[in-house]
PDB file of N, CA and C in Angstrom:
ATOM      1  N   MET A   1       0.836  -1.190   0.000  1.00  0.00           N
ATOM      2  CA  MET A   1       0.000   0.000   0.000  1.00  0.00           C
ATOM      3  C   MET A   1       0.879   1.252   0.000  1.00  0.00           C
ATOM      4  N   ALA A   2       0.360   2.261  -0.614  1.00  0.00           N
ATOM      5  CA  ALA A   2       1.054   3.550  -0.619  1.00  0.00           C
ATOM      6  C   ALA A   2       0.013   4.643  -0.455  1.00  0.00           C
ATOM      7  N   LYS A   3       0.430   5.713   0.180  1.00  0.00           N
ATOM      8  CA  LYS A   3      -0.421   6.898   0.291  1.00  0.00           C
ATOM      9  C   LYS A   3       0.136   7.945  -0.654  1.00  0.00           C
ATOM     10  N   VAL A   4      -0.739   8.546  -1.435  1.00  0.00           N
ATOM     11  CA  VAL A   4      -0.326   9.567  -2.394  1.00  0.00           C
ATOM     12  C   VAL A   4      -1.026  10.874  -2.033  1.00  0.00           C
ATOM     13  N   ASN A   5      -0.255  11.932  -1.900  1.00  0.00           N
ATOM     14  CA  ASN A   5      -0.786  13.265  -1.668  1.00  0.00           C
ATOM     15  C   ASN A   5      -0.683  14.041  -2.967  1.00  0.00           C
ATOM     16  N   VAL A   6      -1.842  14.478  -3.492  1.00  0.00           N
ATOM     17  CA  VAL A   6      -1.893  15.216  -4.747  1.00  0.00           C
ATOM     18  C   VAL A   6      -2.238  16.668  -4.435  1.00  0.00           C
ATOM     19  N   TYR A   7      -1.433  17.591  -4.937  1.00  0.00           N
ATOM     20  CA  TYR A   7      -1.641  19.022  -4.736  1.00  0.00           C
ATOM     21  C   TYR A   7      -1.991  19.647  -6.081  1.00  0.00           C
ATOM     22  N   VAL A   8      -3.162  20.273  -6.151  1.00  0.00           N
ATOM     23  CA  VAL A   8      -3.639  20.888  -7.386  1.00  0.00           C
ATOM     24  C   VAL A   8      -3.758  22.387  -7.152  1.00  0.00           C
ATOM     25  N   THR A   9      -3.145  23.180  -8.030  1.00  0.00           N
ATOM     26  CA  THR A   9      -3.201  24.630  -7.904  1.00  0.00           C
ATOM     27  C   THR A   9      -3.544  25.249  -9.250  1.00  0.00           C
ATOM     28  N   LEU A  10      -4.125  26.440  -9.187  1.00  0.00           N
ATOM     29  CA  LEU A  10      -4.376  27.170 -10.421  1.00  0.00           C
ATOM     30  C   LEU A  10      -3.055  27.568 -11.052  1.00  0.00           C
ATOM     31  N   LYS A  11      -3.031  27.615 -12.355  1.00  0.00           N
ATOM     32  CA  LYS A  11      -1.829  28.095 -13.037  1.00  0.00           C
ATOM     33  C   LYS A  11      -1.555  29.527 -12.584  1.00  0.00           C
ATOM     34  N   PRO A  12      -0.289  29.882 -12.419  1.00  0.00           N
ATOM     35  CA  PRO A  12       0.066  31.193 -11.856  1.00  0.00           C
ATOM     36  C   PRO A  12      -0.485  32.384 -12.627  1.00  0.00           C
ATOM     37  N   GLU A  13      -0.688  32.234 -13.930  1.00  0.00           N
ATOM     38  CA  GLU A  13      -1.149  33.360 -14.728  1.00  0.00           C
ATOM     39  C   GLU A  13      -2.655  33.598 -14.611  1.00  0.00           C
ATOM     40  N   LEU A  14      -3.380  32.695 -13.937  1.00  0.00           N
ATOM     41  CA  LEU A  14      -4.824  32.836 -13.801  1.00  0.00           C
ATOM     42  C   LEU A  14      -5.194  33.564 -12.514  1.00  0.00           C
ATOM     43  N   LEU A  15      -6.231  34.384 -12.591  1.00  0.00           N
ATOM     44  CA  LEU A  15      -6.753  35.077 -11.417  1.00  0.00           C
ATOM     45  C   LEU A  15      -7.401  34.059 -10.490  1.00  0.00           C
ATOM     46  N   ASP A  16      -7.061  34.119  -9.229  1.00  0.00           N
ATOM     47  CA  ASP A  16      -7.627  33.215  -8.225  1.00  0.00           C
ATOM     48  C   ASP A  16      -8.629  34.002  -7.383  1.00  0.00           C
ATOM     49  N   ALA A  17      -9.895  33.966  -7.778  1.00  0.00           N
ATOM     50  CA  ALA A  17     -10.932  34.738  -7.083  1.00  0.00           C
ATOM     51  C   ALA A  17     -11.076  34.292  -5.630  1.00  0.00           C
ATOM     52  N   GLN A  18     -11.020  32.984  -5.375  1.00  0.00           N
ATOM     53  CA  GLN A  18     -11.111  32.500  -3.995  1.00  0.00           C
ATOM     54  C   GLN A  18      -9.929  32.996  -3.169  1.00  0.00           C
ATOM     55  N   GLY A  19      -8.773  32.982  -3.771  1.00  0.00           N
ATOM     56  CA  GLY A  19      -7.589  33.474  -3.075  1.00  0.00           C
ATOM     57  C   GLY A  19      -7.720  34.940  -2.696  1.00  0.00           C
ATOM     58  N   LYS A  20      -8.297  35.749  -3.582  1.00  0.00           N
ATOM     59  CA  LYS A  20      -8.507  37.176  -3.292  1.00  0.00           C
ATOM     60  C   LYS A  20      -9.456  37.351  -2.116  1.00  0.00           C
ATOM     61  N   VAL A  21     -10.509  36.529  -2.056  1.00  0.00           N
ATOM     62  CA  VAL A  21     -11.459  36.596  -0.945  1.00  0.00           C
ATOM     63  C   VAL A  21     -10.774  36.206   0.360  1.00  0.00           C
ATOM     64  N   VAL A  22      -9.961  35.162   0.331  1.00  0.00           N
ATOM     65  CA  VAL A  22      -9.228  34.733   1.531  1.00  0.00           C
ATOM     66  C   VAL A  22      -8.281  35.834   1.991  1.00  0.00           C
ATOM     67  N   LYS A  23      -7.549  36.436   1.067  1.00  0.00           N
ATOM     68  CA  LYS A  23      -6.624  37.523   1.414  1.00  0.00           C
ATOM     69  C   LYS A  23      -7.375  38.682   2.061  1.00  0.00           C
ATOM     70  N   ALA A  24      -8.503  39.076   1.475  1.00  0.00           N
ATOM     71  CA  ALA A  24      -9.290  40.183   2.029  1.00  0.00           C
ATOM     72  C   ALA A  24      -9.819  39.836   3.421  1.00  0.00           C
ATOM     73  N   ALA A  25     -10.273  38.606   3.598  1.00  0.00           N
ATOM     74  CA  ALA A  25     -10.790  38.193   4.905  1.00  0.00           C
ATOM     75  C   ALA A  25      -9.688  38.204   5.958  1.00  0.00           C
ATOM     76  N   LEU A  26      -8.501  37.740   5.591  1.00  0.00           N
ATOM     77  CA  LEU A  26      -7.382  37.763   6.537  1.00  0.00           C
ATOM     78  C   LEU A  26      -7.008  39.200   6.903  1.00  0.00           C
ATOM     79  N   GLU A  27      -7.023  40.087   5.924  1.00  0.00           N
ATOM     80  CA  GLU A  27      -6.736  41.498   6.200  1.00  0.00           C
ATOM     81  C   GLU A  27      -7.797  42.089   7.120  1.00  0.00           C
ATOM     82  N   ASN A  28      -9.065  41.709   6.919  1.00  0.00           N
ATOM     83  CA  ASN A  28     -10.145  42.191   7.791  1.00  0.00           C
ATOM     84  C   ASN A  28      -9.989  41.689   9.219  1.00  0.00           C
ATOM     85  N   LEU A  29      -9.323  40.572   9.380  1.00  0.00           N
ATOM     86  CA  LEU A  29      -9.049  40.033  10.713  1.00  0.00           C
ATOM     87  C   LEU A  29      -7.793  40.635  11.335  1.00  0.00           C
ATOM     88  N   GLY A  30      -7.147  41.531  10.604  1.00  0.00           N
ATOM     89  CA  GLY A  30      -5.984  42.216  11.139  1.00  0.00           C
ATOM     90  C   GLY A  30      -4.651  41.667  10.683  1.00  0.00           C
ATOM     91  N   TYR A  31      -4.640  40.699   9.789  1.00  0.00           N
ATOM     92  CA  TYR A  31      -3.392  40.129   9.284  1.00  0.00           C
ATOM     93  C   TYR A  31      -2.969  40.905   8.041  1.00  0.00           C
ATOM     94  N   ASN A  32      -2.393  42.072   8.260  1.00  0.00           N
ATOM     95  CA  ASN A  32      -2.076  42.984   7.168  1.00  0.00           C
ATOM     96  C   ASN A  32      -0.807  42.617   6.406  1.00  0.00           C
ATOM     97  N   GLY A  33      -0.060  41.673   6.870  1.00  0.00           N
ATOM     98  CA  GLY A  33       1.168  41.282   6.198  1.00  0.00           C
ATOM     99  C   GLY A  33       0.969  40.277   5.082  1.00  0.00           C
ATOM    100  N   VAL A  34      -0.256  39.830   4.872  1.00  0.00           N
ATOM    101  CA  VAL A  34      -0.512  38.836   3.835  1.00  0.00           C
ATOM    102  C   VAL A  34      -0.347  39.489   2.470  1.00  0.00           C
ATOM    103  N   GLN A  35       0.602  39.022   1.697  1.00  0.00           N
ATOM    104  CA  GLN A  35       0.884  39.566   0.374  1.00  0.00           C
ATOM    105  C   GLN A  35      -0.033  38.982  -0.697  1.00  0.00           C
ATOM    106  N   ASP A  36      -0.338  37.693  -0.591  1.00  0.00           N
ATOM    107  CA  ASP A  36      -1.167  37.029  -1.587  1.00  0.00           C
ATOM    108  C   ASP A  36      -1.690  35.738  -0.976  1.00  0.00           C
ATOM    109  N   ALA A  37      -2.777  35.226  -1.508  1.00  0.00           N
ATOM    110  CA  ALA A  37      -3.314  33.928  -1.101  1.00  0.00           C
ATOM    111  C   ALA A  37      -3.854  33.244  -2.350  1.00  0.00           C
ATOM    112  N   ARG A  38      -3.572  31.971  -2.464  1.00  0.00           N
ATOM    113  CA  ARG A  38      -4.093  31.187  -3.580  1.00  0.00           C
ATOM    114  C   ARG A  38      -4.718  29.925  -2.992  1.00  0.00           C
ATOM    115  N   VAL A  39      -5.829  29.523  -3.549  1.00  0.00           N
ATOM    116  CA  VAL A  39      -6.574  28.377  -3.050  1.00  0.00           C
ATOM    117  C   VAL A  39      -6.452  27.242  -4.062  1.00  0.00           C
ATOM    118  N   GLY A  40      -6.221  26.036  -3.561  1.00  0.00           N
ATOM    119  CA  GLY A  40      -6.110  24.876  -4.432  1.00  0.00           C
ATOM    120  C   GLY A  40      -6.849  23.698  -3.839  1.00  0.00           C
ATOM    121  N   LYS A  41      -6.492  22.511  -4.297  1.00  0.00           N
ATOM    122  CA  LYS A  41      -7.105  21.277  -3.816  1.00  0.00           C
ATOM    123  C   LYS A  41      -6.014  20.345  -3.298  1.00  0.00           C
ATOM    124  N   PHE A  42      -6.374  19.574  -2.289  1.00  0.00           N
ATOM    125  CA  PHE A  42      -5.506  18.532  -1.765  1.00  0.00           C
ATOM    126  C   PHE A  42      -6.295  17.236  -1.823  1.00  0.00           C
ATOM    127  N   ILE A  43      -5.722  16.217  -2.458  1.00  0.00           N
ATOM    128  CA  ILE A  43      -6.395  14.926  -2.602  1.00  0.00           C
ATOM    129  C   ILE A  43      -5.465  13.850  -2.047  1.00  0.00           C
ATOM    130  N   GLU A  44      -5.991  13.032  -1.147  1.00  0.00           N
ATOM    131  CA  GLU A  44      -5.214  11.937  -0.572  1.00  0.00           C
ATOM    132  C   GLU A  44      -5.761  10.627  -1.124  1.00  0.00           C
ATOM    133  N   ILE A  45      -4.887   9.822  -1.686  1.00  0.00           N
ATOM    134  CA  ILE A  45      -5.282   8.550  -2.291  1.00  0.00           C
ATOM    135  C   ILE A  45      -4.462   7.440  -1.641  1.00  0.00           C
ATOM    136  N   VAL A  46      -5.129   6.353  -1.270  1.00  0.00           N
ATOM    137  CA  VAL A  46      -4.433   5.149  -0.820  1.00  0.00           C
ATOM    138  C   VAL A  46      -4.563   4.140  -1.957  1.00  0.00           C
ATOM    139  N   ILE A  47      -3.429   3.616  -2.380  1.00  0.00           N
ATOM    140  CA  ILE A  47      -3.401   2.770  -3.578  1.00  0.00           C
ATOM    141  C   ILE A  47      -2.534   1.540  -3.318  1.00  0.00           C
ATOM    142  N   ALA A  48      -2.921   0.430  -3.930  1.00  0.00           N
ATOM    143  CA  ALA A  48      -2.114  -0.786  -3.829  1.00  0.00           C
ATOM    144  C   ALA A  48      -0.793  -0.546  -4.546  1.00  0.00           C
ATOM    145  N   ASP A  49       0.257  -1.097  -3.974  1.00  0.00           N
ATOM    146  CA  ASP A  49       1.588  -0.933  -4.570  1.00  0.00           C
ATOM    147  C   ASP A  49       1.703  -1.844  -5.782  1.00  0.00           C
ATOM    148  N   SER A  50       1.364  -1.296  -6.935  1.00  0.00           N
ATOM    149  CA  SER A  50       1.343  -2.083  -8.173  1.00  0.00           C
ATOM    150  C   SER A  50       2.688  -2.087  -8.888  1.00  0.00           C
ATOM    151  N   GLY A  51       3.632  -1.351  -8.357  1.00  0.00           N
ATOM    152  CA  GLY A  51       4.935  -1.293  -8.994  1.00  0.00           C
ATOM    153  C   GLY A  51       5.111  -0.086  -9.891  1.00  0.00           C
ATOM    154  N   ASN A  52       4.018   0.494 -10.366  1.00  0.00           N
ATOM    155  CA  ASN A  52       4.119   1.653 -11.238  1.00  0.00           C
ATOM    156  C   ASN A  52       3.169   2.752 -10.755  1.00  0.00           C
ATOM    157  N   ILE A  53       3.252   3.046  -9.470  1.00  0.00           N
ATOM    158  CA  ILE A  53       2.344   4.004  -8.845  1.00  0.00           C
ATOM    159  C   ILE A  53       2.470   5.379  -9.491  1.00  0.00           C
ATOM    160  N   GLU A  54       3.692   5.813  -9.735  1.00  0.00           N
ATOM    161  CA  GLU A  54       3.895   7.154 -10.291  1.00  0.00           C
ATOM    162  C   GLU A  54       3.165   7.322 -11.620  1.00  0.00           C
ATOM    163  N   LYS A  55       3.281   6.346 -12.498  1.00  0.00           N
ATOM    164  CA  LYS A  55       2.594   6.399 -13.797  1.00  0.00           C
ATOM    165  C   LYS A  55       1.084   6.402 -13.604  1.00  0.00           C
ATOM    166  N   ASP A  56       0.590   5.524 -12.718  1.00  0.00           N
ATOM    167  CA  ASP A  56      -0.854   5.436 -12.480  1.00  0.00           C
ATOM    168  C   ASP A  56      -1.409   6.756 -11.932  1.00  0.00           C
ATOM    169  N   VAL A  57      -0.729   7.336 -10.961  1.00  0.00           N
ATOM    170  CA  VAL A  57      -1.210   8.582 -10.364  1.00  0.00           C
ATOM    171  C   VAL A  57      -1.150   9.721 -11.378  1.00  0.00           C
ATOM    172  N   ASP A  58      -0.115   9.763 -12.167  1.00  0.00           N
ATOM    173  CA  ASP A  58      -0.027  10.786 -13.198  1.00  0.00           C
ATOM    174  C   ASP A  58      -1.213  10.675 -14.165  1.00  0.00           C
ATOM    175  N   GLU A  59      -1.565   9.459 -14.548  1.00  0.00           N
ATOM    176  CA  GLU A  59      -2.725   9.249 -15.424  1.00  0.00           C
ATOM    177  C   GLU A  59      -4.016   9.670 -14.739  1.00  0.00           C
ATOM    178  N   MET A  60      -4.168   9.341 -13.460  1.00  0.00           N
ATOM    179  CA  MET A  60      -5.356   9.745 -12.694  1.00  0.00           C
ATOM    180  C   MET A  60      -5.513  11.262 -12.712  1.00  0.00           C
ATOM    181  N   CYS A  61      -4.406  11.943 -12.511  1.00  0.00           N
ATOM    182  CA  CYS A  61      -4.438  13.406 -12.496  1.00  0.00           C
ATOM    183  C   CYS A  61      -4.850  13.945 -13.856  1.00  0.00           C
ATOM    184  N   ARG A  62      -4.231  13.444 -14.899  1.00  0.00           N
ATOM    185  CA  ARG A  62      -4.511  13.960 -16.242  1.00  0.00           C
ATOM    186  C   ARG A  62      -5.913  13.612 -16.728  1.00  0.00           C
ATOM    187  N   LYS A  63      -6.430  12.430 -16.316  1.00  0.00           N
ATOM    188  CA  LYS A  63      -7.737  11.988 -16.810  1.00  0.00           C
ATOM    189  C   LYS A  63      -8.915  12.501 -15.986  1.00  0.00           C
ATOM    190  N   LEU A  64      -8.716  12.757 -14.686  1.00  0.00           N
ATOM    191  CA  LEU A  64      -9.861  13.073 -13.841  1.00  0.00           C
ATOM    192  C   LEU A  64      -9.640  14.197 -12.837  1.00  0.00           C
ATOM    193  N   LEU A  65      -8.526  14.180 -12.138  1.00  0.00           N
ATOM    194  CA  LEU A  65      -8.369  15.049 -10.976  1.00  0.00           C
ATOM    195  C   LEU A  65      -8.008  16.493 -11.301  1.00  0.00           C
ATOM    196  N   VAL A  66      -7.431  16.739 -12.464  1.00  0.00           N
ATOM    197  CA  VAL A  66      -6.895  18.057 -12.797  1.00  0.00           C
ATOM    198  C   VAL A  66      -7.448  18.530 -14.140  1.00  0.00           C
ATOM    199  N   ASN A  67      -7.751  19.804 -14.213  1.00  0.00           N
ATOM    200  CA  ASN A  67      -8.084  20.419 -15.499  1.00  0.00           C
ATOM    201  C   ASN A  67      -6.783  20.997 -16.046  1.00  0.00           C
ATOM    202  N   PRO A  68      -6.182  20.358 -17.038  1.00  0.00           N
ATOM    203  CA  PRO A  68      -4.864  20.793 -17.505  1.00  0.00           C
ATOM    204  C   PRO A  68      -4.863  22.178 -18.154  1.00  0.00           C
ATOM    205  N   ASN A  69      -6.025  22.691 -18.509  1.00  0.00           N
ATOM    206  CA  ASN A  69      -6.098  24.033 -19.088  1.00  0.00           C
ATOM    207  C   ASN A  69      -5.910  25.124 -18.042  1.00  0.00           C
ATOM    208  N   THR A  70      -6.318  24.836 -16.809  1.00  0.00           N
ATOM    209  CA  THR A  70      -6.293  25.878 -15.777  1.00  0.00           C
ATOM    210  C   THR A  70      -5.495  25.514 -14.535  1.00  0.00           C
ATOM    211  N   GLU A  71      -5.108  24.247 -14.399  1.00  0.00           N
ATOM    212  CA  GLU A  71      -4.477  23.809 -13.156  1.00  0.00           C
ATOM    213  C   GLU A  71      -3.139  23.105 -13.399  1.00  0.00           C
ATOM    214  N   ASP A  72      -2.272  23.237 -12.400  1.00  0.00           N
ATOM    215  CA  ASP A  72      -1.022  22.483 -12.318  1.00  0.00           C
ATOM    216  C   ASP A  72      -1.169  21.481 -11.181  1.00  0.00           C
ATOM    217  N   TYR A  73      -0.314  20.459 -11.167  1.00  0.00           N
ATOM    218  CA  TYR A  73      -0.362  19.495 -10.074  1.00  0.00           C
ATOM    219  C   TYR A  73       1.022  18.935  -9.798  1.00  0.00           C
ATOM    220  N   ARG A  74       1.134  18.408  -8.594  1.00  0.00           N
ATOM    221  CA  ARG A  74       2.309  17.641  -8.201  1.00  0.00           C
ATOM    222  C   ARG A  74       1.821  16.626  -7.190  1.00  0.00           C
ATOM    223  N   PHE A  75       2.595  15.581  -6.997  1.00  0.00           N
ATOM    224  CA  PHE A  75       2.189  14.587  -5.996  1.00  0.00           C
ATOM    225  C   PHE A  75       3.398  13.981  -5.303  1.00  0.00           C
ATOM    226  N   GLU A  76       3.133  13.477  -4.108  1.00  0.00           N
ATOM    227  CA  GLU A  76       4.160  12.815  -3.292  1.00  0.00           C
ATOM    228  C   GLU A  76       3.655  11.415  -2.973  1.00  0.00           C
ATOM    229  N   ILE A  77       4.529  10.450  -3.066  1.00  0.00           N
ATOM    230  CA  ILE A  77       4.161   9.062  -2.771  1.00  0.00           C
ATOM    231  C   ILE A  77       4.869   8.646  -1.484  1.00  0.00           C
ATOM    232  N   GLU A  78       4.054   8.169  -0.515  1.00  0.00           N
ATOM    233  CA  GLU A  78       4.575   7.651   0.753  1.00  0.00           C
ATOM    234  C   GLU A  78       4.328   6.164   0.779  1.00  0.00           C
ATOM    235  N   LYS A  79       5.367   5.387   0.559  1.00  0.00           N
ATOM    236  CA  LYS A  79       5.205   3.931   0.570  1.00  0.00           C
ATOM    237  C   LYS A  79       5.249   3.425   1.998  1.00  0.00           C
ATOM    238  N   GLY A  80       4.574   2.290   2.208  1.00  0.00           N
ATOM    239  CA  GLY A  80       4.621   1.706   3.531  1.00  0.00           C
ATOM    240  C   GLY A  80       3.393   1.052   3.848  1.00  0.00           C
TER     241      GLY A  80
END
């Protein structure tokens, strides 16, 4: 078994409306040092160790978990 942590973020050139709302809310709470905020997705997957986890997870991301037009992704595999 392996645990995979997938991090999905908007491409840097895209406006992150949710991030702007979070930044404004933090400033309203008195956290004036916040320069920027961006909101993404975190997906945790537990998968059988098939020997080619990296390839499988990459395919999962490209086929379902990520919109390649607007999002970037990276993942970490924790075997054990």
